[in-house]
Amino acid sequence: MYIEHWDAFYEQAVALYRANPLKTRFVTKYRHCDGKLTLKVTDGPTCLQYKTDQASDLRKLERLNAQFFALMATGEALPEDAEMQPADKQQTAAAAGQQQQQQQRQKKTRKG
């Protein structure tokens, strides 16, 4: 089932993971031709999905990813007001830079 509002999706996804952590899966899918990002959290019988085409929602995805990592590693949720650590921001920026460089290389190889 698709959930329209991010806050509802976020809360239900975390609750689903806490209810059954060994069977819960979190999948992200990006379709470049449509420019749509789909997030899916499922434990088998229950499937929660959120679809967006807004670039601003990537920050929300990073937050959900960090929440799942914290739950998987320690069993403790991140505080609601916790920000990403500076090292995490640097890694995210570095990954974005590497992705841009890779795209530029691909464009060059296509032309020539």
C-alpha atoms as a PDB file:
ATOM      1  CA  MET A   1       0.000   0.000   0.000  1.00  0.00           C
ATOM      2  CA  TYR A   2       1.313   3.451  -0.885  1.00  0.00           C
ATOM      3  CA  ILE A   3       1.424   5.997   1.899  1.00  0.00           C
ATOM      4  CA  GLU A   4       1.030   9.622   0.823  1.00  0.00           C
ATOM      5  CA  HIS A   5       2.544  11.447   3.796  1.00  0.00           C
ATOM      6  CA  TRP A   6       6.196  11.060   4.751  1.00  0.00           C
ATOM      7  CA  ASP A   7       5.681  11.290   8.520  1.00  0.00           C
ATOM      8  CA  ALA A   8       3.113   8.479   8.483  1.00  0.00           C
ATOM      9  CA  PHE A   9       5.388   6.317   6.313  1.00  0.00           C
ATOM     10  CA  TYR A  10       8.395   6.969   8.561  1.00  0.00           C
ATOM     11  CA  GLU A  11       6.544   6.087  11.778  1.00  0.00           C
ATOM     12  CA  GLN A  12       4.916   2.966  10.329  1.00  0.00           C
ATOM     13  CA  ALA A  13       8.204   1.763   8.804  1.00  0.00           C
ATOM     14  CA  VAL A  14      10.059   2.070  12.113  1.00  0.00           C
ATOM     15  CA  ALA A  15       7.178   0.380  13.956  1.00  0.00           C
ATOM     16  CA  LEU A  16       7.160  -2.460  11.408  1.00  0.00           C
ATOM     17  CA  TYR A  17      10.895  -2.991  11.894  1.00  0.00           C
ATOM     18  CA  ARG A  18      10.600  -2.966  15.682  1.00  0.00           C
ATOM     19  CA  ALA A  19       7.760  -5.507  15.555  1.00  0.00           C
ATOM     20  CA  ASN A  20       9.721  -8.012  13.457  1.00  0.00           C
ATOM     21  CA  PRO A  21      13.373  -7.013  12.949  1.00  0.00           C
ATOM     22  CA  LEU A  22      14.598 -10.345  11.559  1.00  0.00           C
ATOM     23  CA  LYS A  23      12.110 -10.441   8.681  1.00  0.00           C
ATOM     24  CA  THR A  24      11.828  -6.766   7.780  1.00  0.00           C
ATOM     25  CA  ARG A  25      13.412  -5.594   4.524  1.00  0.00           C
ATOM     26  CA  PHE A  26      14.022  -2.029   3.312  1.00  0.00           C
ATOM     27  CA  VAL A  27      14.331  -1.486  -0.439  1.00  0.00           C
ATOM     28  CA  THR A  28      14.988   1.670  -2.439  1.00  0.00           C
ATOM     29  CA  LYS A  29      14.383   1.873  -6.162  1.00  0.00           C
ATOM     30  CA  TYR A  30      15.096   4.801  -8.468  1.00  0.00           C
ATOM     31  CA  ARG A  31      13.801   4.953 -12.027  1.00  0.00           C
ATOM     32  CA  HIS A  32      15.846   7.529 -13.901  1.00  0.00           C
ATOM     33  CA  CYS A  33      13.515   7.600 -16.916  1.00  0.00           C
ATOM     34  CA  ASP A  34      10.598   8.611 -14.653  1.00  0.00           C
ATOM     35  CA  GLY A  35      12.664  10.488 -12.065  1.00  0.00           C
ATOM     36  CA  LYS A  36      10.845   8.628  -9.280  1.00  0.00           C
ATOM     37  CA  LEU A  37      12.202   7.193  -6.062  1.00  0.00           C
ATOM     38  CA  THR A  38      10.264   4.375  -4.406  1.00  0.00           C
ATOM     39  CA  LEU A  39      10.895   3.232  -0.845  1.00  0.00           C
ATOM     40  CA  LYS A  40       9.507  -0.074   0.338  1.00  0.00           C
ATOM     41  CA  VAL A  41       9.552  -1.570   3.838  1.00  0.00           C
ATOM     42  CA  THR A  42       8.092  -5.043   4.160  1.00  0.00           C
ATOM     43  CA  ASP A  43       8.059  -8.005   6.512  1.00  0.00           C
ATOM     44  CA  GLY A  44       6.220 -10.296   4.103  1.00  0.00           C
ATOM     45  CA  PRO A  45       2.521  -9.879   4.888  1.00  0.00           C
ATOM     46  CA  THR A  46       2.757  -6.106   5.411  1.00  0.00           C
ATOM     47  CA  CYS A  47       4.191  -3.871   2.703  1.00  0.00           C
ATOM     48  CA  LEU A  48       4.583  -0.105   3.097  1.00  0.00           C
ATOM     49  CA  GLN A  49       5.571   2.006   0.090  1.00  0.00           C
ATOM     50  CA  TYR A  50       6.321   5.672  -0.472  1.00  0.00           C
ATOM     51  CA  LYS A  51       6.876   7.208  -3.894  1.00  0.00           C
ATOM     52  CA  THR A  52       8.316  10.636  -4.639  1.00  0.00           C
ATOM     53  CA  ASP A  53       9.790  12.662  -7.473  1.00  0.00           C
ATOM     54  CA  GLN A  54      11.096  15.499  -5.286  1.00  0.00           C
ATOM     55  CA  ALA A  55      14.851  15.916  -4.874  1.00  0.00           C
ATOM     56  CA  SER A  56      14.262  17.460  -1.444  1.00  0.00           C
ATOM     57  CA  ASP A  57      13.015  14.078  -0.180  1.00  0.00           C
ATOM     58  CA  LEU A  58      16.537  12.634  -0.433  1.00  0.00           C
ATOM     59  CA  ARG A  59      17.368  14.190   2.946  1.00  0.00           C
ATOM     60  CA  LYS A  60      14.373  12.319   4.393  1.00  0.00           C
ATOM     61  CA  LEU A  61      15.672   9.089   2.866  1.00  0.00           C
ATOM     62  CA  GLU A  62      19.066   9.666   4.507  1.00  0.00           C
ATOM     63  CA  ARG A  63      17.329  10.167   7.860  1.00  0.00           C
ATOM     64  CA  LEU A  64      15.307   6.939   7.488  1.00  0.00           C
ATOM     65  CA  ASN A  65      18.438   5.056   6.436  1.00  0.00           C
ATOM     66  CA  ALA A  66      20.313   6.332   9.501  1.00  0.00           C
ATOM     67  CA  GLN A  67      17.387   5.319  11.704  1.00  0.00           C
ATOM     68  CA  PHE A  68      17.379   1.766  10.320  1.00  0.00           C
ATOM     69  CA  PHE A  69      21.167   1.505  10.704  1.00  0.00           C
ATOM     70  CA  ALA A  70      20.906   2.598  14.337  1.00  0.00           C
ATOM     71  CA  LEU A  71      18.100   0.128  15.019  1.00  0.00           C
ATOM     72  CA  MET A  72      19.999  -2.715  13.352  1.00  0.00           C
ATOM     73  CA  ALA A  73      23.309  -1.978  15.035  1.00  0.00           C
ATOM     74  CA  THR A  74      22.229  -1.118  18.575  1.00  0.00           C
ATOM     75  CA  GLY A  75      18.512  -1.766  18.831  1.00  0.00           C
ATOM     76  CA  GLU A  76      18.092   1.845  19.910  1.00  0.00           C
ATOM     77  CA  ALA A  77      16.374   4.463  17.782  1.00  0.00           C
ATOM     78  CA  LEU A  78      18.026   7.783  17.043  1.00  0.00           C
ATOM     79  CA  PRO A  79      16.609  10.760  18.937  1.00  0.00           C
ATOM     80  CA  GLU A  80      14.120  12.720  16.859  1.00  0.00           C
ATOM     81  CA  ASP A  81      16.202  15.894  16.995  1.00  0.00           C
ATOM     82  CA  ALA A  82      19.524  14.194  16.161  1.00  0.00           C
ATOM     83  CA  GLU A  83      21.341  15.578  13.162  1.00  0.00           C
ATOM     84  CA  MET A  84      23.718  13.685  10.929  1.00  0.00           C
ATOM     85  CA  GLN A  85      27.277  13.808  12.231  1.00  0.00           C
ATOM     86  CA  PRO A  86      29.736  16.028  10.326  1.00  0.00           C
ATOM     87  CA  ALA A  87      31.627  12.943   9.128  1.00  0.00           C
ATOM     88  CA  ASP A  88      28.377  11.560   7.681  1.00  0.00           C
ATOM     89  CA  LYS A  89      27.760  14.838   5.851  1.00  0.00           C
ATOM     90  CA  GLN A  90      31.295  14.762   4.439  1.00  0.00           C
ATOM     91  CA  GLN A  91      30.853  11.186   3.254  1.00  0.00           C
ATOM     92  CA  THR A  92      27.531  12.094   1.637  1.00  0.00           C
ATOM     93  CA  ALA A  93      29.122  15.091  -0.105  1.00  0.00           C
ATOM     94  CA  ALA A  94      32.072  12.969  -1.253  1.00  0.00           C
ATOM     95  CA  ALA A  95      29.729  10.304  -2.632  1.00  0.00           C
ATOM     96  CA  ALA A  96      27.754  12.965  -4.523  1.00  0.00           C
ATOM     97  CA  GLY A  97      31.001  14.357  -5.981  1.00  0.00           C
ATOM     98  CA  GLN A  98      32.117  10.910  -7.080  1.00  0.00           C
ATOM     99  CA  GLN A  99      28.741  10.288  -8.694  1.00  0.00           C
ATOM    100  CA  GLN A 100      28.971  13.557 -10.656  1.00  0.00           C
ATOM    101  CA  GLN A 101      32.479  12.680 -11.844  1.00  0.00           C
ATOM    102  CA  GLN A 102      31.294   9.260 -12.951  1.00  0.00           C
ATOM    103  CA  GLN A 103      28.391  10.767 -14.887  1.00  0.00           C
ATOM    104  CA  GLN A 104      30.744  13.207 -16.610  1.00  0.00           C
ATOM    105  CA  ARG A 105      33.070  10.335 -17.604  1.00  0.00           C
ATOM    106  CA  GLN A 106      30.108   8.418 -19.016  1.00  0.00           C
ATOM    107  CA  LYS A 107      29.039  11.433 -21.087  1.00  0.00           C
ATOM    108  CA  LYS A 108      32.570  11.802 -22.474  1.00  0.00           C
ATOM    109  CA  THR A 109      32.780   8.139 -23.462  1.00  0.00           C
ATOM    110  CA  ARG A 110      29.400   8.308 -25.202  1.00  0.00           C
ATOM    111  CA  LYS A 111      30.455  11.297 -27.316  1.00  0.00           C
ATOM    112  CA  GLY A 112      33.778   9.989 -28.449  1.00  0.00           C
END
